[in-house]
N, C-alpha and C. Protein backbone atom coordinates (compact mmCIF):
# COMPACT_ATOMS: atom_id res chain seq x y z
N ALA A 1 13.52 -98.32 3.33
CA ALA A 1 14.28 -97.89 4.50
C ALA A 1 15.52 -97.11 4.11
N TRP A 2 15.97 -97.32 2.88
CA TRP A 2 17.21 -96.66 2.45
C TRP A 2 16.97 -95.70 1.30
N ALA A 3 15.80 -95.11 1.25
CA ALA A 3 15.48 -94.19 0.15
C ALA A 3 16.40 -92.98 0.19
N LEU A 4 16.82 -92.54 -0.99
CA LEU A 4 17.73 -91.40 -1.09
C LEU A 4 17.01 -90.11 -1.41
N PHE A 5 15.70 -90.08 -1.24
CA PHE A 5 14.94 -88.88 -1.50
C PHE A 5 14.90 -88.04 -0.23
N SER A 6 14.85 -86.73 -0.42
CA SER A 6 14.81 -85.84 0.74
C SER A 6 13.42 -85.81 1.35
N GLY A 7 12.42 -86.24 0.59
CA GLY A 7 11.05 -86.23 1.07
C GLY A 7 10.15 -86.69 -0.04
N GLY A 8 8.86 -86.55 0.13
CA GLY A 8 7.93 -86.94 -0.92
C GLY A 8 8.12 -86.06 -2.13
N GLU A 9 8.14 -86.65 -3.31
CA GLU A 9 8.34 -85.89 -4.53
C GLU A 9 6.99 -85.44 -5.08
N PRO A 10 6.79 -84.12 -5.23
CA PRO A 10 5.53 -83.63 -5.77
C PRO A 10 5.43 -83.93 -7.25
N SER A 11 4.24 -83.94 -7.76
CA SER A 11 4.07 -84.12 -9.19
C SER A 11 4.54 -82.88 -9.92
N ALA A 12 4.84 -83.04 -11.20
CA ALA A 12 5.25 -81.89 -12.00
C ALA A 12 4.14 -80.85 -12.07
N ALA A 13 2.90 -81.33 -12.12
CA ALA A 13 1.79 -80.37 -12.18
C ALA A 13 1.72 -79.53 -10.91
N GLN A 14 1.93 -80.18 -9.75
CA GLN A 14 1.90 -79.43 -8.50
C GLN A 14 3.03 -78.42 -8.46
N ALA A 15 4.20 -78.83 -8.97
CA ALA A 15 5.34 -77.92 -8.98
C ALA A 15 5.07 -76.70 -9.85
N VAL A 16 4.42 -76.92 -10.97
CA VAL A 16 4.09 -75.81 -11.85
C VAL A 16 3.15 -74.85 -11.15
N ARG A 17 2.16 -75.39 -10.45
CA ARG A 17 1.23 -74.53 -9.72
C ARG A 17 1.97 -73.74 -8.66
N ASP A 18 2.90 -74.41 -7.93
CA ASP A 18 3.63 -73.74 -6.86
C ASP A 18 4.53 -72.65 -7.38
N SER A 19 5.05 -72.84 -8.61
CA SER A 19 5.99 -71.86 -9.15
C SER A 19 5.30 -70.76 -9.95
N GLY A 20 3.98 -70.75 -9.92
CA GLY A 20 3.25 -69.66 -10.54
C GLY A 20 2.77 -69.95 -11.94
N GLY A 21 2.96 -71.18 -12.43
CA GLY A 21 2.48 -71.52 -13.77
C GLY A 21 1.03 -71.97 -13.70
N THR A 22 0.56 -72.55 -14.79
CA THR A 22 -0.82 -73.03 -14.82
C THR A 22 -0.83 -74.53 -14.95
N ALA A 23 -1.66 -75.18 -14.15
CA ALA A 23 -1.70 -76.64 -14.17
C ALA A 23 -2.20 -77.15 -15.50
N ASP A 24 -3.06 -76.36 -16.16
CA ASP A 24 -3.57 -76.81 -17.45
C ASP A 24 -2.73 -76.25 -18.59
N GLY A 25 -1.54 -75.71 -18.23
CA GLY A 25 -0.61 -75.21 -19.24
C GLY A 25 0.61 -76.09 -19.30
N ALA A 26 1.70 -75.64 -18.68
CA ALA A 26 2.98 -76.35 -18.82
C ALA A 26 2.92 -77.78 -18.33
N ALA A 27 2.15 -78.06 -17.31
CA ALA A 27 2.14 -79.41 -16.77
C ALA A 27 1.27 -80.36 -17.57
N GLY A 28 0.45 -79.86 -18.46
CA GLY A 28 -0.50 -80.70 -19.17
C GLY A 28 0.15 -81.81 -19.95
N ASP A 29 0.84 -81.47 -21.03
CA ASP A 29 1.50 -82.49 -21.82
C ASP A 29 2.78 -82.96 -21.16
N ALA A 30 3.50 -82.05 -20.50
CA ALA A 30 4.82 -82.39 -19.97
C ALA A 30 4.75 -83.45 -18.90
N ALA A 31 3.86 -83.30 -17.97
CA ALA A 31 3.78 -84.26 -16.88
C ALA A 31 2.68 -85.28 -17.10
N GLY A 32 1.90 -85.11 -18.15
CA GLY A 32 0.82 -86.05 -18.42
C GLY A 32 -0.30 -85.93 -17.42
N GLU A 33 -0.45 -84.74 -16.86
CA GLU A 33 -1.49 -84.55 -15.86
C GLU A 33 -2.45 -83.47 -16.32
N ALA A 34 -3.67 -83.52 -15.80
CA ALA A 34 -4.67 -82.52 -16.15
C ALA A 34 -4.61 -81.38 -15.17
N GLY A 35 -5.16 -80.25 -15.57
CA GLY A 35 -5.23 -79.11 -14.67
C GLY A 35 -6.35 -79.31 -13.68
N ASP A 36 -6.54 -78.32 -12.81
CA ASP A 36 -7.54 -78.43 -11.76
C ASP A 36 -8.94 -78.56 -12.34
N ASP A 37 -9.15 -78.01 -13.54
CA ASP A 37 -10.48 -78.11 -14.13
C ASP A 37 -10.64 -79.36 -14.99
N GLY A 38 -9.57 -80.21 -14.99
CA GLY A 38 -9.64 -81.48 -15.71
C GLY A 38 -9.26 -81.36 -17.16
N ALA A 39 -8.96 -80.17 -17.65
CA ALA A 39 -8.60 -80.02 -19.06
C ALA A 39 -7.11 -80.13 -19.22
N GLU A 40 -6.66 -80.92 -20.18
CA GLU A 40 -5.23 -81.05 -20.43
C GLU A 40 -4.74 -79.85 -21.21
N GLY A 41 -3.50 -79.39 -20.83
CA GLY A 41 -2.94 -78.24 -21.52
C GLY A 41 -1.79 -78.64 -22.40
N THR A 42 -1.07 -77.66 -22.88
CA THR A 42 0.11 -77.93 -23.69
C THR A 42 1.33 -77.52 -22.92
N ALA A 43 2.45 -78.23 -23.14
CA ALA A 43 3.66 -77.94 -22.41
C ALA A 43 4.16 -76.56 -22.77
N GLY A 44 4.60 -75.85 -21.75
CA GLY A 44 5.21 -74.56 -21.99
C GLY A 44 4.27 -73.40 -21.79
N GLY A 45 3.02 -73.63 -21.44
CA GLY A 45 2.12 -72.51 -21.17
C GLY A 45 0.81 -72.64 -21.91
N GLU A 46 0.14 -71.54 -22.05
CA GLU A 46 -1.18 -71.55 -22.66
C GLU A 46 -1.10 -71.84 -24.15
N GLU A 47 -2.17 -72.43 -24.69
CA GLU A 47 -2.19 -72.71 -26.12
C GLU A 47 -2.31 -71.41 -26.89
N PRO A 48 -1.63 -71.35 -28.04
CA PRO A 48 -1.85 -70.19 -28.89
C PRO A 48 -3.26 -70.26 -29.47
N SER A 49 -3.76 -69.15 -29.90
CA SER A 49 -5.10 -69.15 -30.46
C SER A 49 -5.16 -70.04 -31.69
N GLY A 50 -6.28 -70.67 -31.89
CA GLY A 50 -6.40 -71.57 -33.04
C GLY A 50 -7.12 -72.82 -32.66
N GLY A 51 -7.08 -73.18 -31.31
CA GLY A 51 -7.86 -74.28 -30.74
C GLY A 51 -7.84 -75.54 -31.56
N GLY A 52 -8.78 -76.44 -31.26
CA GLY A 52 -8.93 -77.65 -32.05
C GLY A 52 -7.96 -78.74 -31.70
N GLY A 53 -7.43 -78.75 -30.44
CA GLY A 53 -6.54 -79.82 -30.04
C GLY A 53 -5.17 -79.69 -30.69
N GLU A 54 -4.48 -80.85 -30.79
CA GLU A 54 -3.10 -80.84 -31.30
C GLU A 54 -3.03 -80.30 -32.72
N GLY A 55 -4.00 -80.69 -33.54
CA GLY A 55 -3.98 -80.20 -34.91
C GLY A 55 -4.11 -78.70 -34.98
N GLY A 56 -5.00 -78.15 -34.12
CA GLY A 56 -5.18 -76.71 -34.10
C GLY A 56 -3.94 -75.98 -33.61
N VAL A 57 -3.28 -76.55 -32.58
CA VAL A 57 -2.05 -75.95 -32.06
C VAL A 57 -0.97 -75.96 -33.13
N ALA A 58 -0.80 -77.10 -33.80
CA ALA A 58 0.21 -77.21 -34.85
C ALA A 58 -0.06 -76.21 -35.97
N ALA A 59 -1.32 -76.08 -36.33
CA ALA A 59 -1.68 -75.14 -37.39
C ALA A 59 -1.39 -73.71 -36.95
N SER A 60 -1.63 -73.43 -35.68
CA SER A 60 -1.36 -72.08 -35.17
C SER A 60 0.13 -71.76 -35.23
N PHE A 61 0.97 -72.71 -34.85
CA PHE A 61 2.42 -72.50 -34.95
C PHE A 61 2.83 -72.29 -36.41
N ALA A 62 2.23 -73.10 -37.29
CA ALA A 62 2.59 -73.02 -38.70
C ALA A 62 2.21 -71.68 -39.31
N SER A 63 1.17 -71.06 -38.76
CA SER A 63 0.72 -69.79 -39.31
C SER A 63 1.56 -68.61 -38.83
N MET A 64 2.45 -68.86 -37.87
CA MET A 64 3.29 -67.78 -37.36
C MET A 64 4.42 -67.46 -38.32
N SER A 65 4.88 -66.23 -38.28
CA SER A 65 6.08 -65.88 -39.02
C SER A 65 7.28 -66.48 -38.30
N PRO A 66 8.44 -66.61 -38.97
CA PRO A 66 9.63 -67.15 -38.30
C PRO A 66 9.98 -66.40 -37.02
N ALA A 67 9.85 -65.08 -37.05
CA ALA A 67 10.18 -64.29 -35.86
C ALA A 67 9.19 -64.57 -34.73
N GLU A 68 7.91 -64.70 -35.07
CA GLU A 68 6.90 -64.99 -34.06
C GLU A 68 7.09 -66.38 -33.47
N ARG A 69 7.43 -67.34 -34.33
CA ARG A 69 7.65 -68.70 -33.85
C ARG A 69 8.87 -68.77 -32.93
N ALA A 70 9.93 -68.05 -33.29
CA ALA A 70 11.13 -68.02 -32.45
C ALA A 70 10.83 -67.40 -31.09
N ALA A 71 10.04 -66.32 -31.11
CA ALA A 71 9.69 -65.65 -29.85
C ALA A 71 8.81 -66.55 -28.98
N GLU A 72 7.87 -67.25 -29.62
CA GLU A 72 7.00 -68.17 -28.87
C GLU A 72 7.81 -69.30 -28.27
N ALA A 73 8.75 -69.85 -29.05
CA ALA A 73 9.59 -70.93 -28.55
C ALA A 73 10.45 -70.46 -27.38
N GLU A 74 10.99 -69.25 -27.50
CA GLU A 74 11.84 -68.70 -26.43
C GLU A 74 11.03 -68.53 -25.15
N LYS A 75 9.83 -68.01 -25.28
CA LYS A 75 8.97 -67.78 -24.11
C LYS A 75 8.64 -69.10 -23.42
N ARG A 76 8.20 -70.06 -24.22
CA ARG A 76 7.83 -71.35 -23.65
C ARG A 76 9.05 -72.08 -23.09
N GLY A 77 10.16 -72.02 -23.83
CA GLY A 77 11.37 -72.71 -23.39
C GLY A 77 11.91 -72.15 -22.09
N ASP A 78 11.97 -70.83 -21.99
CA ASP A 78 12.47 -70.21 -20.76
C ASP A 78 11.60 -70.59 -19.56
N ARG A 79 10.29 -70.62 -19.79
CA ARG A 79 9.37 -70.98 -18.70
C ARG A 79 9.60 -72.42 -18.25
N LEU A 80 9.70 -73.33 -19.22
CA LEU A 80 9.91 -74.73 -18.87
C LEU A 80 11.26 -74.95 -18.21
N LEU A 81 12.30 -74.27 -18.69
CA LEU A 81 13.63 -74.43 -18.09
C LEU A 81 13.64 -73.98 -16.63
N ALA A 82 12.95 -72.88 -16.35
CA ALA A 82 12.89 -72.39 -14.97
C ALA A 82 12.12 -73.37 -14.08
N GLN A 83 11.01 -73.90 -14.60
CA GLN A 83 10.21 -74.84 -13.81
C GLN A 83 10.97 -76.15 -13.61
N ALA A 84 11.70 -76.60 -14.64
CA ALA A 84 12.47 -77.84 -14.53
C ALA A 84 13.62 -77.67 -13.54
N TRP A 85 14.23 -76.49 -13.54
CA TRP A 85 15.31 -76.22 -12.58
C TRP A 85 14.77 -76.34 -11.15
N ASP A 86 13.59 -75.79 -10.93
CA ASP A 86 12.98 -75.86 -9.61
C ASP A 86 12.72 -77.31 -9.21
N LEU A 87 12.20 -78.09 -10.13
CA LEU A 87 11.94 -79.50 -9.85
C LEU A 87 13.24 -80.24 -9.52
N ALA A 88 14.30 -79.97 -10.29
CA ALA A 88 15.55 -80.71 -10.12
C ALA A 88 16.32 -80.28 -8.88
N TYR A 89 16.46 -78.97 -8.68
CA TYR A 89 17.36 -78.50 -7.62
C TYR A 89 16.66 -78.16 -6.31
N GLU A 90 15.40 -77.80 -6.37
CA GLU A 90 14.68 -77.48 -5.14
C GLU A 90 13.93 -78.70 -4.59
N ARG A 91 13.48 -79.58 -5.49
CA ARG A 91 12.64 -80.71 -5.08
C ARG A 91 13.30 -82.07 -5.31
N GLU A 92 14.41 -82.08 -6.02
CA GLU A 92 15.12 -83.33 -6.35
C GLU A 92 14.22 -84.28 -7.14
N ASP A 93 13.31 -83.73 -7.91
CA ASP A 93 12.43 -84.54 -8.75
C ASP A 93 12.99 -84.52 -10.17
N TYR A 94 14.05 -85.29 -10.39
CA TYR A 94 14.73 -85.29 -11.68
C TYR A 94 13.86 -85.88 -12.77
N GLU A 95 13.12 -86.92 -12.44
CA GLU A 95 12.22 -87.53 -13.42
C GLU A 95 11.13 -86.54 -13.83
N GLY A 96 10.63 -85.78 -12.87
CA GLY A 96 9.62 -84.78 -13.19
C GLY A 96 10.17 -83.69 -14.09
N ALA A 97 11.42 -83.29 -13.85
CA ALA A 97 12.05 -82.28 -14.69
C ALA A 97 12.19 -82.78 -16.12
N VAL A 98 12.54 -84.05 -16.26
CA VAL A 98 12.67 -84.64 -17.60
C VAL A 98 11.31 -84.65 -18.30
N ARG A 99 10.27 -85.11 -17.59
CA ARG A 99 8.94 -85.16 -18.21
C ARG A 99 8.49 -83.77 -18.64
N LEU A 100 8.79 -82.79 -17.81
CA LEU A 100 8.38 -81.42 -18.12
C LEU A 100 9.03 -80.95 -19.41
N LEU A 101 10.36 -81.13 -19.52
CA LEU A 101 11.08 -80.65 -20.70
C LEU A 101 10.73 -81.45 -21.95
N GLU A 102 10.42 -82.72 -21.77
CA GLU A 102 10.04 -83.54 -22.93
C GLU A 102 8.71 -83.09 -23.52
N GLY A 103 7.95 -82.28 -22.77
CA GLY A 103 6.68 -81.80 -23.29
C GLY A 103 6.79 -80.55 -24.14
N PHE A 104 8.01 -80.07 -24.39
CA PHE A 104 8.17 -78.90 -25.26
C PHE A 104 7.60 -79.23 -26.64
N PRO A 105 6.78 -78.35 -27.20
CA PRO A 105 6.10 -78.66 -28.47
C PRO A 105 7.04 -79.07 -29.59
N ARG A 106 6.71 -80.16 -30.25
CA ARG A 106 7.54 -80.66 -31.35
C ARG A 106 7.66 -79.63 -32.48
N GLU A 107 6.60 -78.87 -32.68
CA GLU A 107 6.61 -77.89 -33.77
C GLU A 107 7.62 -76.76 -33.55
N LEU A 108 8.10 -76.62 -32.31
CA LEU A 108 9.04 -75.54 -32.00
C LEU A 108 10.46 -76.04 -31.76
N ARG A 109 10.69 -77.32 -31.99
CA ARG A 109 11.99 -77.89 -31.65
C ARG A 109 13.10 -77.55 -32.64
N GLY A 110 12.75 -76.87 -33.71
CA GLY A 110 13.77 -76.40 -34.63
C GLY A 110 14.35 -75.06 -34.22
N GLU A 111 13.80 -74.46 -33.17
CA GLU A 111 14.26 -73.15 -32.72
C GLU A 111 15.46 -73.29 -31.78
N ALA A 112 16.21 -72.21 -31.66
CA ALA A 112 17.48 -72.24 -30.93
C ALA A 112 17.32 -72.67 -29.47
N ILE A 113 16.23 -72.29 -28.83
CA ILE A 113 16.04 -72.58 -27.41
C ILE A 113 16.04 -74.07 -27.13
N PHE A 114 15.69 -74.88 -28.14
CA PHE A 114 15.58 -76.31 -27.89
C PHE A 114 16.94 -76.94 -27.61
N LYS A 115 18.03 -76.32 -28.07
CA LYS A 115 19.36 -76.85 -27.75
C LYS A 115 19.61 -76.78 -26.24
N LYS A 116 19.17 -75.69 -25.62
CA LYS A 116 19.31 -75.57 -24.16
C LYS A 116 18.46 -76.63 -23.46
N ILE A 117 17.28 -76.86 -23.99
CA ILE A 117 16.40 -77.85 -23.39
C ILE A 117 17.01 -79.25 -23.50
N GLU A 118 17.60 -79.55 -24.65
CA GLU A 118 18.24 -80.86 -24.82
C GLU A 118 19.40 -81.04 -23.84
N GLU A 119 20.17 -79.99 -23.62
CA GLU A 119 21.28 -80.06 -22.67
C GLU A 119 20.78 -80.39 -21.27
N LYS A 120 19.72 -79.71 -20.86
CA LYS A 120 19.18 -79.96 -19.53
C LYS A 120 18.52 -81.34 -19.44
N LEU A 121 17.92 -81.78 -20.53
CA LEU A 121 17.34 -83.13 -20.55
C LEU A 121 18.42 -84.18 -20.28
N ARG A 122 19.57 -84.03 -20.95
CA ARG A 122 20.67 -84.98 -20.73
C ARG A 122 21.16 -84.91 -19.28
N LEU A 123 21.27 -83.69 -18.75
CA LEU A 123 21.75 -83.52 -17.39
C LEU A 123 20.81 -84.15 -16.37
N TYR A 124 19.51 -83.86 -16.50
CA TYR A 124 18.55 -84.38 -15.52
C TYR A 124 18.36 -85.89 -15.68
N HIS A 125 18.52 -86.40 -16.90
CA HIS A 125 18.51 -87.85 -17.11
C HIS A 125 19.67 -88.47 -16.33
N SER A 126 20.84 -87.85 -16.40
CA SER A 126 22.01 -88.38 -15.70
C SER A 126 21.81 -88.32 -14.19
N PHE A 127 21.18 -87.26 -13.69
CA PHE A 127 20.90 -87.15 -12.26
C PHE A 127 20.01 -88.31 -11.81
N ALA A 128 18.93 -88.53 -12.57
CA ALA A 128 17.97 -89.58 -12.20
C ALA A 128 18.63 -90.96 -12.26
N GLY A 129 19.40 -91.20 -13.30
CA GLY A 129 20.06 -92.50 -13.45
C GLY A 129 21.08 -92.77 -12.35
N PHE A 130 21.84 -91.74 -11.98
CA PHE A 130 22.85 -91.92 -10.95
C PHE A 130 22.21 -92.19 -9.59
N ARG A 131 21.14 -91.47 -9.29
CA ARG A 131 20.46 -91.72 -8.01
C ARG A 131 19.91 -93.15 -7.96
N LYS A 132 19.39 -93.64 -9.07
CA LYS A 132 18.88 -95.01 -9.10
C LYS A 132 20.01 -96.01 -8.84
N ARG A 133 21.19 -95.73 -9.39
CA ARG A 133 22.34 -96.63 -9.17
C ARG A 133 22.75 -96.64 -7.70
N LEU A 134 22.75 -95.46 -7.07
CA LEU A 134 23.08 -95.38 -5.65
C LEU A 134 22.05 -96.15 -4.82
N GLN A 135 20.78 -95.93 -5.15
CA GLN A 135 19.69 -96.60 -4.43
C GLN A 135 19.80 -98.11 -4.56
N LYS A 136 20.06 -98.57 -5.78
CA LYS A 136 20.15 -100.02 -6.03
C LYS A 136 21.31 -100.63 -5.25
N ALA A 137 22.43 -99.91 -5.16
CA ALA A 137 23.58 -100.43 -4.42
C ALA A 137 23.24 -100.61 -2.95
N LEU A 138 22.51 -99.65 -2.37
CA LEU A 138 22.10 -99.78 -0.98
C LEU A 138 21.16 -100.96 -0.78
N GLU A 139 20.27 -101.16 -1.74
CA GLU A 139 19.29 -102.23 -1.63
C GLU A 139 19.92 -103.62 -1.76
N GLU A 140 21.12 -103.68 -2.33
CA GLU A 140 21.81 -104.97 -2.47
C GLU A 140 22.24 -105.53 -1.11
N GLY A 141 22.38 -104.66 -0.11
CA GLY A 141 22.72 -105.13 1.23
C GLY A 141 24.16 -104.87 1.62
N LYS A 142 24.39 -104.90 2.92
CA LYS A 142 25.69 -104.48 3.46
C LYS A 142 26.86 -105.35 3.03
N ASP A 143 26.60 -106.61 2.72
CA ASP A 143 27.70 -107.52 2.35
C ASP A 143 27.87 -107.67 0.84
N SER A 144 27.13 -106.90 0.08
CA SER A 144 27.17 -107.08 -1.38
C SER A 144 28.39 -106.42 -2.00
N PRO A 145 29.00 -107.08 -2.99
CA PRO A 145 30.11 -106.46 -3.73
C PRO A 145 29.67 -105.17 -4.43
N ALA A 146 28.39 -105.13 -4.84
CA ALA A 146 27.88 -103.94 -5.54
C ALA A 146 27.94 -102.71 -4.64
N LEU A 147 27.58 -102.86 -3.38
CA LEU A 147 27.62 -101.73 -2.45
C LEU A 147 29.05 -101.31 -2.18
N ALA A 148 29.93 -102.28 -1.97
CA ALA A 148 31.34 -101.94 -1.74
C ALA A 148 31.93 -101.20 -2.93
N GLN A 149 31.60 -101.67 -4.13
CA GLN A 149 32.10 -101.02 -5.34
C GLN A 149 31.57 -99.61 -5.47
N MET A 150 30.29 -99.41 -5.14
CA MET A 150 29.71 -98.07 -5.24
C MET A 150 30.30 -97.13 -4.21
N ILE A 151 30.56 -97.62 -3.01
CA ILE A 151 31.20 -96.78 -1.99
C ILE A 151 32.55 -96.29 -2.50
N LYS A 152 33.33 -97.20 -3.07
CA LYS A 152 34.64 -96.80 -3.60
C LYS A 152 34.49 -95.84 -4.77
N HIS A 153 33.51 -96.08 -5.59
CA HIS A 153 33.24 -95.21 -6.73
C HIS A 153 32.90 -93.80 -6.26
N VAL A 154 32.07 -93.71 -5.22
CA VAL A 154 31.67 -92.41 -4.70
C VAL A 154 32.83 -91.71 -3.99
N GLU A 155 33.57 -92.46 -3.19
CA GLU A 155 34.68 -91.85 -2.45
C GLU A 155 35.81 -91.41 -3.37
N ARG A 156 35.92 -92.08 -4.48
CA ARG A 156 36.95 -91.68 -5.45
C ARG A 156 36.47 -90.52 -6.31
N GLU A 157 35.17 -90.24 -6.24
CA GLU A 157 34.56 -89.17 -7.04
C GLU A 157 34.88 -89.36 -8.52
N ASP A 158 34.70 -90.61 -8.93
CA ASP A 158 35.04 -91.00 -10.30
C ASP A 158 33.83 -90.79 -11.21
N PHE A 159 33.35 -89.53 -11.24
CA PHE A 159 32.20 -89.21 -12.08
C PHE A 159 32.14 -87.71 -12.27
N ASP A 160 31.19 -87.25 -13.06
CA ASP A 160 31.04 -85.83 -13.37
C ASP A 160 30.86 -85.02 -12.09
N PRO A 161 31.55 -83.87 -11.97
CA PRO A 161 31.42 -83.02 -10.77
C PRO A 161 29.98 -82.63 -10.46
N ASP A 162 29.15 -82.48 -11.49
CA ASP A 162 27.74 -82.14 -11.26
C ASP A 162 27.05 -83.20 -10.41
N LEU A 163 27.45 -84.46 -10.58
CA LEU A 163 26.82 -85.54 -9.84
C LEU A 163 27.25 -85.53 -8.38
N ASP A 164 28.50 -85.20 -8.12
CA ASP A 164 29.01 -85.20 -6.74
C ASP A 164 28.30 -84.18 -5.88
N GLU A 165 27.74 -83.14 -6.49
CA GLU A 165 27.07 -82.09 -5.73
C GLU A 165 25.61 -82.41 -5.43
N LEU A 166 25.11 -83.52 -5.94
CA LEU A 166 23.72 -83.89 -5.68
C LEU A 166 23.54 -84.26 -4.20
N PRO A 167 22.45 -83.81 -3.58
CA PRO A 167 22.20 -84.15 -2.17
C PRO A 167 22.14 -85.65 -1.92
N CYS A 168 21.70 -86.42 -2.92
CA CYS A 168 21.58 -87.86 -2.71
C CYS A 168 22.94 -88.53 -2.53
N VAL A 169 24.02 -87.90 -2.98
CA VAL A 169 25.35 -88.46 -2.80
C VAL A 169 25.75 -88.39 -1.33
N ALA A 170 25.52 -87.24 -0.70
CA ALA A 170 25.82 -87.11 0.72
C ALA A 170 24.97 -88.07 1.54
N ARG A 171 23.70 -88.23 1.15
CA ARG A 171 22.84 -89.16 1.87
C ARG A 171 23.29 -90.60 1.65
N PHE A 172 23.78 -90.89 0.45
CA PHE A 172 24.31 -92.24 0.20
C PHE A 172 25.49 -92.52 1.11
N ARG A 173 26.41 -91.58 1.21
CA ARG A 173 27.58 -91.79 2.08
C ARG A 173 27.14 -92.09 3.52
N LYS A 174 26.19 -91.32 4.00
CA LYS A 174 25.72 -91.49 5.38
C LYS A 174 25.04 -92.84 5.57
N LYS A 175 24.15 -93.18 4.66
CA LYS A 175 23.39 -94.43 4.79
C LYS A 175 24.29 -95.65 4.57
N ALA A 176 25.23 -95.54 3.63
CA ALA A 176 26.14 -96.66 3.38
C ALA A 176 27.04 -96.90 4.59
N ARG A 177 27.50 -95.84 5.23
CA ARG A 177 28.33 -95.98 6.43
C ARG A 177 27.53 -96.63 7.56
N GLU A 178 26.28 -96.22 7.71
CA GLU A 178 25.43 -96.82 8.73
C GLU A 178 25.20 -98.30 8.44
N LEU A 179 25.11 -98.63 7.17
CA LEU A 179 24.79 -100.00 6.78
C LEU A 179 25.98 -100.95 6.96
N VAL A 180 27.16 -100.54 6.49
CA VAL A 180 28.32 -101.43 6.54
C VAL A 180 29.13 -101.26 7.81
N GLY A 181 28.93 -100.15 8.52
CA GLY A 181 29.70 -99.89 9.72
C GLY A 181 30.93 -99.04 9.43
N ASP A 182 31.39 -98.31 10.44
CA ASP A 182 32.52 -97.40 10.26
C ASP A 182 33.79 -98.13 9.84
N GLU A 183 34.06 -99.28 10.45
CA GLU A 183 35.30 -100.00 10.17
C GLU A 183 35.39 -100.42 8.70
N ARG A 184 34.32 -101.01 8.21
CA ARG A 184 34.30 -101.45 6.82
C ARG A 184 34.35 -100.28 5.85
N TYR A 185 33.61 -99.23 6.16
CA TYR A 185 33.59 -98.05 5.29
C TYR A 185 34.97 -97.41 5.22
N ASP A 186 35.61 -97.27 6.39
CA ASP A 186 36.95 -96.66 6.43
C ASP A 186 37.96 -97.51 5.65
N ALA A 187 37.80 -98.83 5.72
CA ALA A 187 38.70 -99.72 4.98
C ALA A 187 38.54 -99.53 3.47
N LEU A 188 37.30 -99.35 3.04
CA LEU A 188 37.06 -99.12 1.61
C LEU A 188 37.64 -97.77 1.18
N GLU A 189 37.54 -96.77 2.05
CA GLU A 189 38.14 -95.47 1.75
C GLU A 189 39.66 -95.59 1.62
N LEU A 190 40.27 -96.41 2.48
CA LEU A 190 41.71 -96.60 2.41
C LEU A 190 42.12 -97.28 1.11
N GLU A 191 41.30 -98.22 0.67
CA GLU A 191 41.57 -98.86 -0.63
C GLU A 191 41.61 -97.82 -1.74
N VAL A 192 40.66 -96.91 -1.71
CA VAL A 192 40.59 -95.85 -2.72
C VAL A 192 41.83 -94.97 -2.63
N SER A 193 42.23 -94.60 -1.41
CA SER A 193 43.41 -93.75 -1.23
C SER A 193 44.66 -94.45 -1.75
N GLY A 194 44.75 -95.76 -1.49
CA GLY A 194 45.90 -96.51 -1.96
C GLY A 194 45.97 -96.56 -3.47
N LEU A 195 44.83 -96.77 -4.12
CA LEU A 195 44.80 -96.80 -5.58
C LEU A 195 45.19 -95.45 -6.16
N ASP A 196 44.71 -94.38 -5.54
CA ASP A 196 45.04 -93.05 -6.02
C ASP A 196 46.53 -92.77 -5.91
N GLU A 197 47.14 -93.21 -4.81
CA GLU A 197 48.58 -93.00 -4.63
C GLU A 197 49.38 -93.75 -5.68
N VAL A 198 48.96 -94.99 -5.96
CA VAL A 198 49.66 -95.78 -6.98
C VAL A 198 49.55 -95.11 -8.34
N GLU A 199 48.37 -94.63 -8.69
CA GLU A 199 48.19 -93.97 -9.97
C GLU A 199 48.99 -92.68 -10.06
N ASP A 200 49.07 -91.94 -8.95
CA ASP A 200 49.87 -90.72 -8.93
C ASP A 200 51.35 -91.03 -9.17
N MET A 201 51.83 -92.10 -8.54
CA MET A 201 53.22 -92.49 -8.72
C MET A 201 53.49 -92.91 -10.16
N GLN A 202 52.54 -93.64 -10.73
CA GLN A 202 52.71 -94.09 -12.10
C GLN A 202 52.71 -92.91 -13.08
N SER A 203 51.86 -91.95 -12.80
CA SER A 203 51.79 -90.80 -13.69
C SER A 203 53.06 -89.95 -13.62
N GLU A 204 53.76 -90.02 -12.48
CA GLU A 204 55.01 -89.25 -12.32
C GLU A 204 56.23 -90.08 -12.71
N GLY A 205 55.99 -91.36 -13.10
CA GLY A 205 57.09 -92.20 -13.55
C GLY A 205 57.88 -92.84 -12.43
N ILE A 206 57.33 -92.81 -11.22
CA ILE A 206 58.02 -93.39 -10.06
C ILE A 206 57.76 -94.90 -10.03
N GLY A 207 58.86 -95.64 -9.79
CA GLY A 207 58.72 -97.08 -9.66
C GLY A 207 58.73 -97.83 -10.98
N ARG A 208 59.04 -97.11 -12.06
CA ARG A 208 59.10 -97.80 -13.35
C ARG A 208 60.52 -98.29 -13.62
């Protein structure tokens, strides 16, 4: 009843298909799903020539020159980053974005593009974790200390600015207010305002 999702979350494979990728390509290893023809693909797009499953793919990467391997990594990485962005920001499927990026081939993780992928992995992990914390606080019930604490935490915006911009934060505020009532919610907001004023005074040396 208190879900913080905007709607049903599509699978990573479906998202790849919608964004113009191939279900038996980027979504294969990344989302752990098969393509429409039932064949599993490799994360980041089509397999390089060389076949033979994982061993064949690894051998194909190994046979590339450094420049070819860097170009292949860049191509695959850019594609996955774009698809993961769509999952995270258009569909709010943070877990799907993480699974997608985790499917980047291990043989290419020494290339420069993987640093960008790691950054986004950390970011989308934080998005997913924060939403779970908000959801759990709502599920604790209107009289729970955990919900009151989370309301104050959210109203104080005591977290990374990237998190405050997530749609689930606005939905949390709305659902939490409905759950505890306007009077209780406003009282918690006042507590936050009072704490902020005290800290501002202390930082300016007032009252010492």
